[in-house]
C-alpha atoms as a PDB file:
ATOM      1  CA  MET A   1       0.644  -0.059   0.275  1.00  0.00           C
ATOM      2  CA  LEU A   2       1.022   3.609  -0.976  1.00  0.00           C
ATOM      3  CA  LYS A   3       1.847   6.342   1.807  1.00  0.00           C
ATOM      4  CA  SER A   4      -0.630   8.169   0.141  1.00  0.00           C
ATOM      5  CA  ASP A   5      -3.179   5.332   0.737  1.00  0.00           C
ATOM      6  CA  LEU A   6      -2.183   4.645   4.639  1.00  0.00           C
ATOM      7  CA  GLU A   7      -3.204   8.278   5.017  1.00  0.00           C
ATOM      8  CA  SER A   8      -6.327   8.295   3.253  1.00  0.00           C
ATOM      9  CA  ASN A   9      -7.197   5.708   5.409  1.00  0.00           C
ATOM     10  CA  LEU A  10      -6.040   7.175   8.665  1.00  0.00           C
ATOM     11  CA  VAL A  11      -7.806   9.726   7.787  1.00  0.00           C
ATOM     12  CA  THR A  12     -11.150   7.980   6.783  1.00  0.00           C
ATOM     13  CA  HIS A  13     -11.332   5.666  10.412  1.00  0.00           C
ATOM     14  CA  GLN A  14     -10.621   9.374  12.226  1.00  0.00           C
ATOM     15  CA  ARG A  15     -14.353  10.164  10.743  1.00  0.00           C
ATOM     16  CA  SER A  16     -15.519   7.261  12.853  1.00  0.00           C
ATOM     17  CA  HIS A  17     -14.048   9.110  16.145  1.00  0.00           C
ATOM     18  CA  THR A  18     -15.458  11.869  15.461  1.00  0.00           C
ATOM     19  CA  GLY A  19     -18.871  11.473  13.318  1.00  0.00           C
ATOM     20  CA  GLU A  20     -17.165  13.541  10.577  1.00  0.00           C
ATOM     21  CA  LYS A  21     -19.219  12.854   7.642  1.00  0.00           C
ATOM     22  CA  PRO A  22     -18.107  14.829   4.424  1.00  0.00           C
ATOM     23  CA  PHE A  23     -19.468  12.983   1.309  1.00  0.00           C
ATOM     24  CA  SER A  24     -23.581  13.743   0.732  1.00  0.00           C
ATOM     25  CA  CYS A  25     -25.945  11.601  -1.527  1.00  0.00           C
ATOM     26  CA  LEU A  26     -27.396  14.751  -3.833  1.00  0.00           C
ATOM     27  CA  GLN A  27     -30.437  12.450  -4.039  1.00  0.00           C
ATOM     28  CA  CYS A  28     -31.365  11.903  -0.592  1.00  0.00           C
ATOM     29  CA  GLY A  29     -29.200  14.125   1.719  1.00  0.00           C
ATOM     30  CA  LYS A  30     -27.917  10.542   3.449  1.00  0.00           C
ATOM     31  CA  CYS A  31     -23.998  11.046   4.639  1.00  0.00           C
ATOM     32  CA  PHE A  32     -20.539   8.820   4.666  1.00  0.00           C
ATOM     33  CA  ILE A  33     -17.142   9.317   6.365  1.00  0.00           C
ATOM     34  CA  SER A  34     -15.518   8.201   2.605  1.00  0.00           C
ATOM     35  CA  LYS A  35     -16.214   8.421  -0.817  1.00  0.00           C
ATOM     36  CA  SER A  36     -16.217   4.829  -1.543  1.00  0.00           C
ATOM     37  CA  ASN A  37     -18.925   4.334   0.955  1.00  0.00           C
ATOM     38  CA  LEU A  38     -20.513   6.637  -0.854  1.00  0.00           C
ATOM     39  CA  ASP A  39     -20.790   5.440  -3.942  1.00  0.00           C
ATOM     40  CA  THR A  40     -21.922   2.179  -3.079  1.00  0.00           C
ATOM     41  CA  HIS A  41     -24.104   4.141  -1.353  1.00  0.00           C
ATOM     42  CA  GLU A  42     -25.747   5.371  -5.052  1.00  0.00           C
ATOM     43  CA  ARG A  43     -26.346   1.641  -6.271  1.00  0.00           C
ATOM     44  CA  SER A  44     -28.966   2.213  -4.341  1.00  0.00           C
ATOM     45  CA  HIS A  45     -30.914   4.781  -5.787  1.00  0.00           C
ATOM     46  CA  THR A  46     -29.549   3.609  -9.420  1.00  0.00           C
ATOM     47  CA  GLY A  47     -30.898   0.190  -8.817  1.00  0.00           C
ATOM     48  CA  GLU A  48     -26.608  -0.944 -10.358  1.00  0.00           C
ATOM     49  CA  LYS A  49     -25.379  -4.332  -8.851  1.00  0.00           C
ATOM     50  CA  PRO A  50     -21.663  -4.284 -10.838  1.00  0.00           C
ATOM     51  CA  PHE A  51     -20.647  -8.123  -9.041  1.00  0.00           C
ATOM     52  CA  PRO A  52     -22.092 -10.830 -10.737  1.00  0.00           C
ATOM     53  CA  CYS A  53     -21.718 -14.334  -9.398  1.00  0.00           C
ATOM     54  CA  SER A  54     -20.381 -16.607 -11.599  1.00  0.00           C
ATOM     55  CA  ARG A  55     -22.185 -19.885 -10.330  1.00  0.00           C
ATOM     56  CA  CYS A  56     -25.402 -18.627 -10.370  1.00  0.00           C
ATOM     57  CA  GLY A  57     -25.635 -14.805 -12.267  1.00  0.00           C
ATOM     58  CA  LYS A  58     -26.940 -12.723  -9.469  1.00  0.00           C
ATOM     59  CA  CYS A  59     -26.064  -9.718  -8.467  1.00  0.00           C
ATOM     60  CA  PHE A  60     -24.061  -7.410  -5.549  1.00  0.00           C
ATOM     61  CA  ILE A  61     -23.414  -3.972  -4.681  1.00  0.00           C
ATOM     62  CA  THR A  62     -20.077  -5.048  -3.329  1.00  0.00           C
ATOM     63  CA  LYS A  63     -17.327  -6.895  -3.833  1.00  0.00           C
ATOM     64  CA  ALA A  64     -17.779  -8.033  -0.407  1.00  0.00           C
ATOM     65  CA  LYS A  65     -22.083  -9.305  -0.566  1.00  0.00           C
ATOM     66  CA  LEU A  66     -21.186 -11.178  -3.389  1.00  0.00           C
ATOM     67  CA  ARG A  67     -18.516 -12.876  -1.655  1.00  0.00           C
ATOM     68  CA  ALA A  68     -20.354 -13.651   1.779  1.00  0.00           C
ATOM     69  CA  HIS A  69     -23.166 -14.735  -1.003  1.00  0.00           C
ATOM     70  CA  GLN A  70     -20.383 -17.548  -2.468  1.00  0.00           C
ATOM     71  CA  ARG A  71     -20.112 -18.715   0.685  1.00  0.00           C
ATOM     72  CA  SER A  72     -23.848 -20.181   0.317  1.00  0.00           C
ATOM     73  CA  HIS A  73     -22.260 -22.249  -2.573  1.00  0.00           C
ATOM     74  CA  THR A  74     -19.168 -22.867  -0.949  1.00  0.00           C
ATOM     75  CA  GLY A  75     -20.879 -24.074   2.413  1.00  0.00           C
ATOM     76  CA  GLU A  76     -17.901 -22.207   3.864  1.00  0.00           C
ATOM     77  CA  LYS A  77     -18.764 -20.522   7.099  1.00  0.00           C
ATOM     78  CA  PRO A  78     -15.441 -19.073   8.772  1.00  0.00           C
ATOM     79  CA  PHE A  79     -17.203 -17.151  11.765  1.00  0.00           C
ATOM     80  CA  SER A  80     -17.932 -19.531  14.922  1.00  0.00           C
ATOM     81  CA  CYS A  81     -18.977 -18.887  17.522  1.00  0.00           C
ATOM     82  CA  SER A  82     -16.736 -19.280  20.684  1.00  0.00           C
ATOM     83  CA  LEU A  83     -19.165 -19.670  23.531  1.00  0.00           C
ATOM     84  CA  CYS A  84     -21.094 -21.695  21.552  1.00  0.00           C
ATOM     85  CA  GLY A  85     -19.518 -23.413  18.570  1.00  0.00           C
ATOM     86  CA  LYS A  86     -22.159 -22.470  15.830  1.00  0.00           C
ATOM     87  CA  CYS A  87     -20.135 -20.865  13.010  1.00  0.00           C
ATOM     88  CA  PHE A  88     -21.901 -18.326  10.988  1.00  0.00           C
ATOM     89  CA  SER A  89     -20.996 -17.612   7.055  1.00  0.00           C
ATOM     90  CA  GLN A  90     -20.963 -13.809   7.717  1.00  0.00           C
ATOM     91  CA  LYS A  91     -18.797 -11.978  10.628  1.00  0.00           C
ATOM     92  CA  SER A  92     -22.132  -9.473  10.835  1.00  0.00           C
ATOM     93  CA  HIS A  93     -24.296 -12.883  11.240  1.00  0.00           C
ATOM     94  CA  LEU A  94     -21.587 -14.382  14.585  1.00  0.00           C
ATOM     95  CA  VAL A  95     -22.098 -10.309  16.083  1.00  0.00           C
ATOM     96  CA  LYS A  96     -26.103 -11.107  15.881  1.00  0.00           C
ATOM     97  CA  HIS A  97     -25.966 -14.328  16.878  1.00  0.00           C
ATOM     98  CA  GLU A  98     -23.146 -13.332  19.752  1.00  0.00           C
ATOM     99  CA  ARG A  99     -25.733 -11.024  21.184  1.00  0.00           C
ATOM    100  CA  ILE A 100     -28.034 -13.954  22.486  1.00  0.00           C
ATOM    101  CA  HIS A 101     -25.466 -15.245  24.768  1.00  0.00           C
ATOM    102  CA  THR A 102     -24.469 -11.304  26.133  1.00  0.00           C
ATOM    103  CA  GLY A 103     -27.880 -10.497  26.027  1.00  0.00           C
ATOM    104  CA  GLU A 104     -27.122  -7.244  24.413  1.00  0.00           C
ATOM    105  CA  LYS A 105     -29.599  -5.237  22.588  1.00  0.00           C
ATOM    106  CA  PRO A 106     -28.260  -2.278  21.529  1.00  0.00           C
ATOM    107  CA  TYR A 107     -31.220  -0.703  19.083  1.00  0.00           C
ATOM    108  CA  SER A 108     -34.305   0.073  20.739  1.00  0.00           C
ATOM    109  CA  CYS A 109     -37.140   1.550  19.310  1.00  0.00           C
ATOM    110  CA  SER A 110     -38.976   4.806  20.658  1.00  0.00           C
ATOM    111  CA  LEU A 111     -42.310   4.563  20.547  1.00  0.00           C
ATOM    112  CA  CYS A 112     -42.417   1.520  23.524  1.00  0.00           C
ATOM    113  CA  GLY A 113     -38.832   0.968  24.685  1.00  0.00           C
ATOM    114  CA  LYS A 114     -39.328  -2.791  22.973  1.00  0.00           C
ATOM    115  CA  CYS A 115     -35.438  -4.200  22.760  1.00  0.00           C
ATOM    116  CA  PHE A 116     -33.520  -5.862  20.091  1.00  0.00           C
ATOM    117  CA  ILE A 117     -30.664  -7.646  18.607  1.00  0.00           C
ATOM    118  CA  SER A 118     -30.939  -6.355  15.009  1.00  0.00           C
ATOM    119  CA  LYS A 119     -31.477  -2.867  12.980  1.00  0.00           C
ATOM    120  CA  SER A 120     -34.068  -5.533  11.119  1.00  0.00           C
ATOM    121  CA  ASN A 121     -35.766  -6.803  14.038  1.00  0.00           C
ATOM    122  CA  LEU A 122     -36.036  -3.527  15.453  1.00  0.00           C
ATOM    123  CA  ASN A 123     -37.804  -1.535  11.422  1.00  0.00           C
ATOM    124  CA  ILE A 124     -39.932  -5.240  11.443  1.00  0.00           C
ATOM    125  CA  HIS A 125     -41.277  -4.428  15.389  1.00  0.00           C
ATOM    126  CA  GLU A 126     -41.742  -0.323  13.733  1.00  0.00           C
ATOM    127  CA  ARG A 127     -44.216  -1.603  11.310  1.00  0.00           C
ATOM    128  CA  ILE A 128     -46.667  -2.506  14.106  1.00  0.00           C
ATOM    129  CA  HIS A 129     -46.886   0.808  14.766  1.00  0.00           C
ATOM    130  CA  THR A 130     -47.098   2.131  11.735  1.00  0.00           C
ATOM    131  CA  GLY A 131     -49.402  -0.524  10.136  1.00  0.00           C
ATOM    132  CA  GLU A 132     -46.862  -0.532   7.704  1.00  0.00           C
ATOM    133  CA  LYS A 133     -47.108  -4.331   5.678  1.00  0.00           C
ATOM    134  CA  PRO A 134     -45.112  -3.885   2.730  1.00  0.00           C
ATOM    135  CA  TYR A 135     -45.249  -7.630   1.659  1.00  0.00           C
ATOM    136  CA  LEU A 136     -48.406  -8.770  -0.516  1.00  0.00           C
ATOM    137  CA  CYS A 137     -49.099 -11.649  -1.862  1.00  0.00           C
ATOM    138  CA  SER A 138     -49.669 -12.600  -5.407  1.00  0.00           C
ATOM    139  CA  LEU A 139     -52.069 -15.711  -4.973  1.00  0.00           C
ATOM    140  CA  CYS A 140     -54.729 -14.116  -1.998  1.00  0.00           C
ATOM    141  CA  GLY A 141     -53.663 -10.346  -1.333  1.00  0.00           C
ATOM    142  CA  LYS A 142     -52.937 -11.147   2.750  1.00  0.00           C
ATOM    143  CA  CYS A 143     -50.038  -8.743   3.711  1.00  0.00           C
ATOM    144  CA  PHE A 144     -47.276  -9.233   5.751  1.00  0.00           C
ATOM    145  CA  THR A 145     -44.945  -7.182   7.745  1.00  0.00           C
ATOM    146  CA  ASP A 146     -41.726  -9.001   6.427  1.00  0.00           C
ATOM    147  CA  LYS A 147     -40.082 -10.664   3.775  1.00  0.00           C
ATOM    148  CA  LEU A 148     -40.312 -14.121   6.074  1.00  0.00           C
ATOM    149  CA  HIS A 149     -43.562 -14.128   7.008  1.00  0.00           C
ATOM    150  CA  LEU A 150     -44.293 -13.430   3.424  1.00  0.00           C
ATOM    151  CA  VAL A 151     -42.417 -16.217   3.037  1.00  0.00           C
ATOM    152  CA  ARG A 152     -43.680 -18.196   5.090  1.00  0.00           C
ATOM    153  CA  HIS A 153     -47.062 -17.732   4.249  1.00  0.00           C
ATOM    154  CA  SER A 154     -47.062 -18.746   0.492  1.00  0.00           C
ATOM    155  CA  ARG A 155     -45.794 -22.708   1.375  1.00  0.00           C
ATOM    156  CA  SER A 156     -49.741 -22.409   2.802  1.00  0.00           C
ATOM    157  CA  HIS A 157     -50.273 -22.270  -1.380  1.00  0.00           C
ATOM    158  CA  THR A 158     -47.679 -23.998  -2.698  1.00  0.00           C
ATOM    159  CA  GLY A 159     -47.365 -26.116   0.060  1.00  0.00           C
ATOM    160  CA  GLU A 160     -43.556 -26.953   0.179  1.00  0.00           C
ATOM    161  CA  LYS A 161     -42.501 -27.905   2.939  1.00  0.00           C
ATOM    162  CA  PRO A 162     -38.811 -27.688   3.104  1.00  0.00           C
ATOM    163  CA  TYR A 163     -37.599 -28.404   6.957  1.00  0.00           C
ATOM    164  CA  SER A 164     -37.586 -32.496   7.065  1.00  0.00           C
ATOM    165  CA  CYS A 165     -36.807 -34.251  10.271  1.00  0.00           C
ATOM    166  CA  SER A 166     -33.802 -35.962  10.026  1.00  0.00           C
ATOM    167  CA  GLU A 167     -35.085 -38.790  13.218  1.00  0.00           C
ATOM    168  CA  CYS A 168     -37.829 -39.901  11.238  1.00  0.00           C
ATOM    169  CA  GLY A 169     -38.613 -37.703   7.320  1.00  0.00           C
ATOM    170  CA  LYS A 170     -41.812 -35.652   8.809  1.00  0.00           C
ATOM    171  CA  CYS A 171     -41.693 -32.342   7.343  1.00  0.00           C
ATOM    172  CA  PHE A 172     -42.177 -28.531   7.931  1.00  0.00           C
ATOM    173  CA  THR A 173     -42.993 -25.297   6.195  1.00  0.00           C
ATOM    174  CA  SER A 174     -40.545 -23.529   9.225  1.00  0.00           C
ATOM    175  CA  LYS A 175     -38.122 -23.796  11.367  1.00  0.00           C
ATOM    176  CA  SER A 176     -39.086 -23.288  13.703  1.00  0.00           C
ATOM    177  CA  ASN A 177     -41.638 -26.191  13.605  1.00  0.00           C
ATOM    178  CA  LEU A 178     -39.325 -28.570  12.872  1.00  0.00           C
ATOM    179  CA  VAL A 179     -36.910 -27.172  16.307  1.00  0.00           C
ATOM    180  CA  ARG A 180     -40.344 -27.665  18.034  1.00  0.00           C
ATOM    181  CA  HIS A 181     -41.191 -31.682  16.652  1.00  0.00           C
ATOM    182  CA  GLU A 182     -37.242 -32.683  17.499  1.00  0.00           C
ATOM    183  CA  ARG A 183     -38.187 -31.969  20.900  1.00  0.00           C
ATOM    184  CA  SER A 184     -40.739 -34.760  20.936  1.00  0.00           C
ATOM    185  CA  HIS A 185     -37.791 -37.928  20.279  1.00  0.00           C
ATOM    186  CA  THR A 186     -35.317 -36.167  22.801  1.00  0.00           C
ATOM    187  CA  GLY A 187     -37.828 -35.778  25.169  1.00  0.00           C
ATOM    188  CA  GLU A 188     -36.038 -31.729  25.626  1.00  0.00           C
ATOM    189  CA  ARG A 189     -39.034 -29.457  27.390  1.00  0.00           C
ATOM    190  CA  PRO A 190     -37.547 -25.697  27.117  1.00  0.00           C
ATOM    191  CA  TYR A 191     -40.403 -24.472  28.810  1.00  0.00           C
END
């Protein structure tokens, strides 16, 4: 790395401490600590996804998102929890998981004070207050607050049951139903 690159990286890093965000998006006004972060953000407005997966053709906004996606093809899970050993394909998933052990819930609802382990969980929760249900089932018109609930609901139309018990082969529409069923084999009673 050149000296000028190192100096530039240091200046950008220092902004994470000072809070300075000198690069702003002309479309929405959101500000960033570096030009590269702004460039990446601007792709959310243009829809540009210049990094395609060579295996399936799906495209991504950043190289980092492409690398994380490629692990879905390889099965690689390089990030492991030091407390329970569970492995993850993305560092952000590990960080979120570790909060289960620590009890940390850094995201709180400004309306009711309920706390969450991730920003995405907070965003979904806030829709309870706003009544927003942006995910629409194209088959029956039912609306949902998040994509996961829509996907689960869609299985009621398709009959798909992608989660199967390794013990008896019974299939389920959701992972939570499978986990509940598997306890019947082990006799575990968590509550």
